[in-house]
N, C-alpha and C. Protein backbone atom coordinates (compact mmCIF):
# COMPACT_ATOMS: atom_id res chain seq x y z
N MET A 1 372.76 16.92 52.92
CA MET A 1 371.57 16.08 53.21
C MET A 1 371.67 14.63 52.70
N ARG A 2 371.25 13.73 53.65
CA ARG A 2 371.06 12.27 53.35
C ARG A 2 369.54 12.08 52.91
N THR A 3 369.78 11.22 51.83
CA THR A 3 368.30 10.91 51.23
C THR A 3 368.13 9.35 51.14
N ILE A 4 367.03 8.83 51.47
CA ILE A 4 366.80 7.39 50.95
C ILE A 4 365.85 7.46 49.83
N GLY A 5 366.09 6.87 48.86
CA GLY A 5 365.37 6.58 47.58
C GLY A 5 364.75 5.20 47.71
N ILE A 6 363.39 5.03 47.24
CA ILE A 6 362.82 3.83 47.41
C ILE A 6 361.99 3.53 46.00
N ASP A 7 362.22 2.20 45.59
CA ASP A 7 361.62 2.02 44.47
C ASP A 7 360.63 0.64 44.98
N PRO A 8 359.59 1.08 45.26
CA PRO A 8 358.23 0.30 45.79
C PRO A 8 357.96 -1.19 45.10
N GLY A 9 357.90 -2.26 45.79
CA GLY A 9 357.41 -3.46 45.36
C GLY A 9 357.18 -4.49 46.31
N THR A 10 356.35 -5.46 46.21
CA THR A 10 356.19 -6.33 47.38
C THR A 10 357.02 -7.50 47.27
N ALA A 11 357.60 -7.95 46.07
CA ALA A 11 358.44 -9.08 46.03
C ALA A 11 359.94 -8.71 46.08
N ARG A 12 360.16 -7.36 45.46
CA ARG A 12 361.36 -6.74 45.97
C ARG A 12 361.25 -5.21 46.01
N MET A 13 361.76 -4.74 46.93
CA MET A 13 361.96 -3.34 47.08
C MET A 13 363.25 -2.84 47.03
N GLY A 14 363.54 -2.04 46.22
CA GLY A 14 364.81 -1.31 46.07
C GLY A 14 364.98 -0.23 46.95
N TRP A 15 365.95 0.24 47.62
CA TRP A 15 366.36 1.19 48.26
C TRP A 15 367.97 1.77 48.02
N GLY A 16 367.92 2.98 48.28
CA GLY A 16 369.28 3.53 48.06
C GLY A 16 369.59 4.99 48.78
N VAL A 17 370.62 4.90 49.61
CA VAL A 17 370.80 5.89 50.34
C VAL A 17 372.04 6.85 49.82
N VAL A 18 371.79 8.12 49.70
CA VAL A 18 372.86 9.00 49.00
C VAL A 18 373.11 10.18 49.94
N GLU A 19 374.21 10.78 49.90
CA GLU A 19 374.49 11.96 50.47
C GLU A 19 374.78 13.22 49.65
N LYS A 20 374.33 14.25 49.84
CA LYS A 20 374.59 15.61 48.94
C LYS A 20 375.36 16.52 49.94
N GLN A 21 376.69 16.89 49.41
CA GLN A 21 377.36 18.10 50.05
C GLN A 21 377.65 18.78 49.02
N GLY A 22 377.47 19.98 49.04
CA GLY A 22 377.49 21.15 48.12
C GLY A 22 376.91 20.52 46.80
N SER A 23 377.59 20.32 45.82
CA SER A 23 377.20 20.06 44.52
C SER A 23 377.28 18.41 44.31
N ASP A 24 378.05 17.84 45.13
CA ASP A 24 378.42 16.48 44.95
C ASP A 24 377.36 15.58 45.73
N VAL A 25 377.11 14.45 44.91
CA VAL A 25 376.16 13.52 45.54
C VAL A 25 377.21 12.17 45.52
N ARG A 26 377.02 11.24 46.91
CA ARG A 26 377.92 10.33 47.03
C ARG A 26 376.96 9.25 47.60
N LEU A 27 377.34 8.04 47.29
CA LEU A 27 377.02 6.83 47.63
C LEU A 27 376.92 6.58 49.19
N VAL A 28 375.84 6.20 49.84
CA VAL A 28 376.07 5.93 51.32
C VAL A 28 375.86 4.20 51.21
N GLU A 29 374.83 3.45 50.76
CA GLU A 29 374.51 2.29 50.62
C GLU A 29 373.25 2.10 49.85
N PHE A 30 373.11 0.98 49.48
CA PHE A 30 371.98 0.32 48.67
C PHE A 30 371.57 -0.93 48.80
N GLY A 31 370.48 -1.50 48.62
CA GLY A 31 370.07 -2.91 48.53
C GLY A 31 368.76 -3.11 48.35
N VAL A 32 368.18 -4.31 48.44
CA VAL A 32 366.86 -4.74 48.12
C VAL A 32 366.13 -5.57 49.23
N LEU A 33 364.84 -5.20 49.73
CA LEU A 33 364.29 -6.06 50.58
C LEU A 33 363.57 -6.98 49.80
N THR A 34 363.58 -8.24 50.22
CA THR A 34 362.86 -9.20 49.38
C THR A 34 361.90 -10.09 50.21
N THR A 35 360.75 -10.60 49.59
CA THR A 35 359.86 -11.34 50.33
C THR A 35 359.68 -12.70 49.23
N PRO A 36 359.58 -13.71 50.09
CA PRO A 36 359.54 -15.00 49.35
C PRO A 36 358.12 -15.19 48.71
N ALA A 37 357.98 -15.64 47.34
CA ALA A 37 356.97 -16.13 46.60
C ALA A 37 355.98 -17.02 47.38
N GLY A 38 354.57 -16.61 47.54
CA GLY A 38 353.75 -17.44 48.12
C GLY A 38 353.37 -16.89 49.55
N MET A 39 354.51 -16.12 50.07
CA MET A 39 353.97 -15.51 51.44
C MET A 39 352.77 -14.72 51.20
N PRO A 40 351.77 -14.70 52.35
CA PRO A 40 350.55 -14.00 52.37
C PRO A 40 351.11 -12.58 52.15
N GLN A 41 350.30 -11.92 51.47
CA GLN A 41 350.43 -10.40 51.35
C GLN A 41 350.63 -9.45 52.81
N ALA A 42 349.89 -9.77 53.58
CA ALA A 42 350.02 -8.98 55.00
C ALA A 42 351.24 -9.36 55.60
N GLU A 43 351.81 -10.68 55.52
CA GLU A 43 353.06 -10.85 55.98
C GLU A 43 354.09 -10.19 55.27
N ARG A 44 353.79 -10.21 53.67
CA ARG A 44 354.98 -9.44 52.96
C ARG A 44 355.08 -8.22 53.37
N LEU A 45 353.90 -7.53 53.59
CA LEU A 45 354.09 -6.03 53.72
C LEU A 45 354.70 -5.77 55.13
N HIS A 46 354.50 -6.47 56.21
CA HIS A 46 354.96 -6.51 57.44
C HIS A 46 356.52 -6.63 57.29
N HIS A 47 356.96 -7.67 56.58
CA HIS A 47 358.23 -8.02 56.48
C HIS A 47 358.92 -6.68 55.85
N LEU A 48 358.29 -6.06 54.68
CA LEU A 48 358.93 -4.96 54.18
C LEU A 48 358.96 -3.87 55.06
N TYR A 49 358.00 -3.72 56.10
CA TYR A 49 358.02 -2.56 56.84
C TYR A 49 359.03 -2.63 57.91
N THR A 50 359.15 -3.80 58.51
CA THR A 50 360.42 -4.06 59.54
C THR A 50 361.67 -3.82 58.84
N GLY A 51 361.95 -4.41 57.88
CA GLY A 51 363.22 -4.06 57.05
C GLY A 51 363.36 -2.83 56.71
N LEU A 52 362.41 -2.22 56.47
CA LEU A 52 362.69 -0.63 56.11
C LEU A 52 362.90 0.23 57.31
N VAL A 53 361.93 -0.05 58.25
CA VAL A 53 362.37 0.54 59.66
C VAL A 53 363.95 0.43 60.14
N GLN A 54 364.45 -0.63 60.00
CA GLN A 54 365.67 -0.94 60.46
C GLN A 54 366.69 -0.25 59.48
N ILE A 55 366.42 -0.20 58.19
CA ILE A 55 367.37 0.76 57.31
C ILE A 55 367.22 2.16 57.63
N LEU A 56 366.26 2.75 58.00
CA LEU A 56 366.13 4.14 58.25
C LEU A 56 366.69 4.31 59.71
N GLN A 57 366.78 3.19 60.63
CA GLN A 57 367.44 3.39 61.89
C GLN A 57 368.84 3.50 61.95
N ARG A 58 369.34 2.59 60.83
CA ARG A 58 370.96 2.41 60.78
C ARG A 58 371.37 3.63 59.62
N TYR A 59 370.71 4.13 58.66
CA TYR A 59 371.29 5.09 57.83
C TYR A 59 370.92 6.61 58.22
N GLN A 60 369.99 6.66 59.05
CA GLN A 60 369.60 8.17 59.55
C GLN A 60 369.24 9.15 58.35
N PRO A 61 368.53 8.80 57.23
CA PRO A 61 368.35 9.68 56.25
C PRO A 61 367.53 10.95 56.86
N GLN A 62 367.43 12.14 56.14
CA GLN A 62 366.67 13.23 56.53
C GLN A 62 365.44 13.23 55.68
N ALA A 63 365.40 12.65 54.54
CA ALA A 63 364.49 12.86 53.32
C ALA A 63 364.28 11.57 52.77
N GLY A 64 363.23 11.21 52.35
CA GLY A 64 362.60 10.04 51.57
C GLY A 64 361.96 10.25 50.31
N ALA A 65 362.58 9.67 49.27
CA ALA A 65 361.98 9.97 48.02
C ALA A 65 361.47 8.65 47.32
N VAL A 66 360.42 8.72 46.88
CA VAL A 66 359.75 7.52 46.63
C VAL A 66 359.05 7.86 45.15
N GLU A 67 359.12 6.68 44.26
CA GLU A 67 358.48 6.74 43.07
C GLU A 67 357.06 6.79 43.02
N GLU A 68 356.46 7.80 42.23
CA GLU A 68 354.90 7.73 42.27
C GLU A 68 354.29 6.54 41.42
N LEU A 69 353.19 6.06 41.79
CA LEU A 69 352.81 4.81 41.15
C LEU A 69 352.61 5.21 39.59
N PHE A 70 353.02 4.03 38.83
CA PHE A 70 352.75 4.13 37.52
C PHE A 70 351.66 3.30 37.17
N PHE A 71 350.45 3.56 36.62
CA PHE A 71 349.69 2.78 36.09
C PHE A 71 349.71 2.01 34.99
N GLY A 72 349.95 0.73 34.95
CA GLY A 72 350.01 -0.18 33.73
C GLY A 72 348.90 -0.85 33.32
N LYS A 73 348.98 -1.98 32.73
CA LYS A 73 347.92 -2.66 31.95
C LYS A 73 347.46 -3.76 33.26
N ASN A 74 348.54 -3.94 34.03
CA ASN A 74 347.97 -4.96 35.10
C ASN A 74 347.61 -4.37 36.57
N VAL A 75 346.29 -4.35 36.63
CA VAL A 75 345.56 -3.85 37.64
C VAL A 75 346.16 -4.49 39.06
N ASN A 76 346.24 -5.72 39.14
CA ASN A 76 346.74 -6.63 40.25
C ASN A 76 348.03 -5.93 40.72
N THR A 77 348.96 -6.04 39.71
CA THR A 77 350.19 -5.30 40.21
C THR A 77 350.21 -3.90 40.63
N ALA A 78 349.49 -3.05 40.12
CA ALA A 78 349.14 -1.66 40.60
C ALA A 78 348.70 -1.77 41.94
N ILE A 79 347.82 -2.49 42.23
CA ILE A 79 347.26 -2.74 43.53
C ILE A 79 348.45 -3.21 44.74
N THR A 80 349.29 -4.08 44.46
CA THR A 80 350.17 -4.54 45.29
C THR A 80 351.24 -3.55 45.47
N VAL A 81 351.73 -2.84 44.30
CA VAL A 81 352.73 -1.67 44.58
C VAL A 81 352.21 -0.59 45.20
N GLY A 82 350.91 -0.33 45.12
CA GLY A 82 350.32 0.78 45.81
C GLY A 82 350.04 0.38 47.51
N GLN A 83 350.16 -0.99 47.76
CA GLN A 83 350.27 -1.28 49.03
C GLN A 83 351.49 -1.17 49.63
N ALA A 84 352.68 -1.50 48.84
CA ALA A 84 353.85 -1.31 49.14
C ALA A 84 354.45 0.09 49.48
N ARG A 85 353.70 1.09 48.53
CA ARG A 85 353.75 2.33 48.73
C ARG A 85 353.33 2.82 50.08
N GLY A 86 352.21 2.23 50.31
CA GLY A 86 351.59 2.53 51.62
C GLY A 86 352.62 2.45 52.83
N VAL A 87 353.19 1.22 52.83
CA VAL A 87 353.82 0.84 53.77
C VAL A 87 355.29 1.58 53.97
N VAL A 88 355.86 2.25 52.70
CA VAL A 88 356.78 2.79 52.52
C VAL A 88 356.65 4.31 52.99
N LEU A 89 355.44 4.94 52.87
CA LEU A 89 355.00 6.32 53.31
C LEU A 89 354.99 6.32 54.79
N LEU A 90 354.23 5.11 55.27
CA LEU A 90 353.96 4.93 56.83
C LEU A 90 355.50 5.08 57.39
N ALA A 91 356.24 4.07 57.00
CA ALA A 91 357.69 4.01 57.64
C ALA A 91 358.29 5.44 57.81
N LEU A 92 358.37 6.09 56.44
CA LEU A 92 359.12 7.38 56.31
C LEU A 92 358.33 8.33 57.25
N HIS A 93 356.98 8.36 57.19
CA HIS A 93 356.51 9.13 58.11
C HIS A 93 356.76 9.27 59.60
N GLN A 94 356.72 7.85 59.99
CA GLN A 94 356.90 7.61 61.50
C GLN A 94 358.30 7.93 61.76
N ALA A 95 359.34 7.94 60.67
CA ALA A 95 360.70 8.06 61.11
C ALA A 95 360.83 9.75 60.99
N GLY A 96 359.80 10.59 60.79
CA GLY A 96 360.08 11.90 60.87
C GLY A 96 360.52 12.65 59.62
N LEU A 97 360.62 11.90 58.54
CA LEU A 97 361.43 12.21 57.28
C LEU A 97 360.54 13.17 56.46
N SER A 98 361.02 14.16 55.78
CA SER A 98 360.20 14.92 54.78
C SER A 98 360.18 13.91 53.63
N ILE A 99 358.90 13.67 53.01
CA ILE A 99 358.74 12.77 52.06
C ILE A 99 358.43 13.43 50.73
N HIS A 100 358.95 12.94 49.71
CA HIS A 100 358.95 13.39 48.29
C HIS A 100 358.68 12.49 47.24
N GLU A 101 357.66 12.82 46.27
CA GLU A 101 357.04 11.73 45.44
C GLU A 101 357.49 12.30 43.94
N TYR A 102 358.14 11.36 43.21
CA TYR A 102 358.49 11.67 41.94
C TYR A 102 357.95 10.74 40.92
N LYS A 103 357.39 11.34 39.83
CA LYS A 103 356.98 10.52 38.65
C LYS A 103 358.37 9.94 37.83
N PRO A 104 358.23 8.87 37.36
CA PRO A 104 359.25 8.37 36.40
C PRO A 104 359.91 9.25 35.23
N LEU A 105 359.01 10.20 34.87
CA LEU A 105 359.61 11.33 33.72
C LEU A 105 360.44 11.98 34.42
N VAL A 106 359.86 12.61 35.86
CA VAL A 106 360.83 13.72 36.49
C VAL A 106 362.20 13.08 36.82
N VAL A 107 362.15 11.79 37.17
CA VAL A 107 363.42 11.11 37.55
C VAL A 107 364.34 11.10 36.34
N LYS A 108 363.83 10.55 35.27
CA LYS A 108 364.62 10.51 34.06
C LYS A 108 365.11 11.81 33.36
N GLN A 109 364.39 12.90 33.83
CA GLN A 109 364.79 14.19 33.22
C GLN A 109 365.88 14.60 34.18
N ALA A 110 365.72 14.37 35.43
CA ALA A 110 366.76 14.99 36.46
C ALA A 110 368.22 14.19 36.20
N LEU A 111 368.14 12.98 36.06
CA LEU A 111 369.52 12.41 35.83
C LEU A 111 370.03 12.42 34.33
N THR A 112 369.17 12.19 33.39
CA THR A 112 369.73 12.43 32.01
C THR A 112 369.37 13.56 31.15
N GLY A 113 368.41 14.23 31.71
CA GLY A 113 368.06 15.49 30.66
C GLY A 113 366.93 15.08 29.70
N TYR A 114 366.58 14.00 29.84
CA TYR A 114 365.83 13.41 28.78
C TYR A 114 364.55 12.45 29.33
N GLY A 115 363.36 12.88 29.17
CA GLY A 115 362.38 12.12 29.87
C GLY A 115 362.07 10.86 29.17
N GLY A 116 362.52 10.56 28.08
CA GLY A 116 362.30 9.30 27.43
C GLY A 116 363.61 8.25 27.60
N ALA A 117 364.45 8.69 28.49
CA ALA A 117 365.62 7.72 28.78
C ALA A 117 365.05 6.23 29.12
N ASP A 118 365.97 5.34 28.31
CA ASP A 118 365.39 3.95 29.02
C ASP A 118 366.42 3.44 30.02
N LYS A 119 366.05 2.21 30.56
CA LYS A 119 366.44 1.83 31.86
C LYS A 119 367.95 1.71 31.96
N ARG A 120 368.66 1.43 30.74
CA ARG A 120 370.12 1.19 30.78
C ARG A 120 370.71 2.60 30.85
N GLN A 121 370.04 3.58 30.07
CA GLN A 121 370.80 4.95 30.26
C GLN A 121 370.63 5.58 31.50
N MET A 122 369.62 5.03 32.27
CA MET A 122 369.40 5.72 33.68
C MET A 122 370.36 4.87 34.52
N GLN A 123 370.47 3.74 34.49
CA GLN A 123 371.61 2.75 35.12
C GLN A 123 372.84 3.50 35.02
N GLU A 124 373.29 3.85 33.97
CA GLU A 124 374.55 4.36 33.36
C GLU A 124 374.84 5.55 34.14
N MET A 125 373.79 6.45 34.35
CA MET A 125 373.90 7.79 34.74
C MET A 125 373.94 7.70 36.19
N VAL A 126 373.23 6.66 36.86
CA VAL A 126 373.47 6.46 38.32
C VAL A 126 375.01 6.09 38.60
N ARG A 127 375.62 5.15 37.81
CA ARG A 127 376.72 4.69 37.91
C ARG A 127 377.87 5.87 37.79
N ILE A 128 377.77 6.75 36.88
CA ILE A 128 378.50 7.83 36.60
C ILE A 128 378.51 8.82 37.86
N THR A 129 377.22 9.14 38.09
CA THR A 129 376.90 10.04 39.09
C THR A 129 377.52 9.89 40.37
N LEU A 130 377.35 8.59 40.80
CA LEU A 130 378.12 8.20 42.05
C LEU A 130 379.31 7.56 42.06
N GLY A 131 380.13 7.85 40.86
CA GLY A 131 381.51 7.37 40.62
C GLY A 131 381.74 6.02 40.90
N LEU A 132 380.93 5.04 40.55
CA LEU A 132 380.79 3.63 40.53
C LEU A 132 381.69 2.95 39.42
N SER A 133 382.23 1.81 39.85
CA SER A 133 382.99 0.98 38.66
C SER A 133 382.04 0.27 37.85
N SER A 134 380.78 -0.12 38.44
CA SER A 134 379.89 -0.84 37.64
C SER A 134 378.32 -0.52 38.23
N ILE A 135 377.43 -0.65 37.44
CA ILE A 135 376.08 -0.41 37.62
C ILE A 135 375.46 -0.96 38.92
N PRO A 136 374.96 -0.54 39.75
CA PRO A 136 374.24 -1.22 41.09
C PRO A 136 373.32 -2.24 40.64
N ARG A 137 373.46 -3.37 41.21
CA ARG A 137 372.44 -4.57 40.91
C ARG A 137 371.95 -4.99 42.20
N PRO A 138 370.60 -5.49 42.23
CA PRO A 138 369.88 -5.52 41.09
C PRO A 138 369.04 -4.31 40.63
N ASP A 139 368.31 -4.52 39.55
CA ASP A 139 367.88 -3.05 38.94
C ASP A 139 366.82 -2.27 40.10
N ASP A 140 366.39 -3.06 40.91
CA ASP A 140 365.44 -2.37 41.83
C ASP A 140 366.40 -1.33 42.63
N ALA A 141 367.46 -1.74 43.10
CA ALA A 141 368.44 -0.97 43.87
C ALA A 141 368.96 0.14 42.88
N ALA A 142 369.23 0.03 41.69
CA ALA A 142 369.54 1.12 40.86
C ALA A 142 368.40 2.16 40.65
N ASP A 143 367.38 1.66 40.47
CA ASP A 143 366.20 2.50 40.23
C ASP A 143 366.00 3.33 41.68
N ALA A 144 366.02 2.68 42.79
CA ALA A 144 365.90 3.57 44.09
C ALA A 144 367.09 4.50 44.17
N LEU A 145 368.31 4.34 43.57
CA LEU A 145 369.35 5.24 43.69
C LEU A 145 368.98 6.44 42.72
N ALA A 146 368.38 6.27 41.42
CA ALA A 146 368.10 7.23 40.76
C ALA A 146 366.90 8.14 41.38
N ILE A 147 366.18 7.66 42.04
CA ILE A 147 365.02 8.44 42.73
C ILE A 147 365.66 9.24 43.83
N ALA A 148 366.75 8.52 44.61
CA ALA A 148 367.37 9.49 45.73
C ALA A 148 368.12 10.60 44.91
N ILE A 149 368.78 10.17 43.88
CA ILE A 149 369.60 11.16 43.17
C ILE A 149 368.77 12.36 42.59
N CYS A 150 367.60 11.97 41.97
CA CYS A 150 366.88 13.00 41.67
C CYS A 150 366.40 14.07 42.60
N HIS A 151 366.13 13.43 43.76
CA HIS A 151 365.73 14.26 44.87
C HIS A 151 366.93 15.27 45.31
N ALA A 152 368.25 14.61 45.35
CA ALA A 152 369.38 15.47 45.68
C ALA A 152 369.39 16.60 44.71
N TYR A 153 369.28 16.33 43.59
CA TYR A 153 369.48 17.21 42.65
C TYR A 153 368.29 18.52 42.43
N THR A 154 367.23 18.12 42.90
CA THR A 154 366.07 18.97 42.95
C THR A 154 365.90 19.60 44.08
N ASN A 155 366.40 19.11 45.20
CA ASN A 155 366.24 19.79 46.49
C ASN A 155 367.28 20.94 46.83
N GLN A 156 366.87 21.89 47.17
CA GLN A 156 367.58 23.21 47.28
C GLN A 156 368.40 23.52 48.57
N VAL A 157 368.18 22.49 49.62
CA VAL A 157 369.05 22.43 50.78
C VAL A 157 370.13 21.59 50.77
N GLY A 158 371.33 21.76 51.20
CA GLY A 158 372.38 20.89 51.25
C GLY A 158 373.45 21.16 50.23
């Protein structure tokens, strides 16, 4: 089963596609959609949507995995990330994918076995799991791959 993982954001939206065959998870591709600073929010969301639609058409995943919104202290950031998540959910739904949402704690447990894992530990597990020579960069892409791997591990199909 091919899964796209998405780390939502409006300045940078990480994405990563993995494929699970039996118990093996392999990398298909990863990247980041970016929007320029100062671009109006509606234009940013449209840019992210059209970019994500192109990625979905190119890599043809069967499932989408998205990180659930984590509420921090910055309400404005939470709102803009929530808007980006809305764009992601719309694009995934329109593409006919099954959509799965994961809390950061669940992603950490799936990859490292420990819900308190730090960013470096998570990135290293992404590298090891996918058999890469280096950690995927930027961080947003590595985070998206972690979400996709989490789904691959927890999904019983494929």
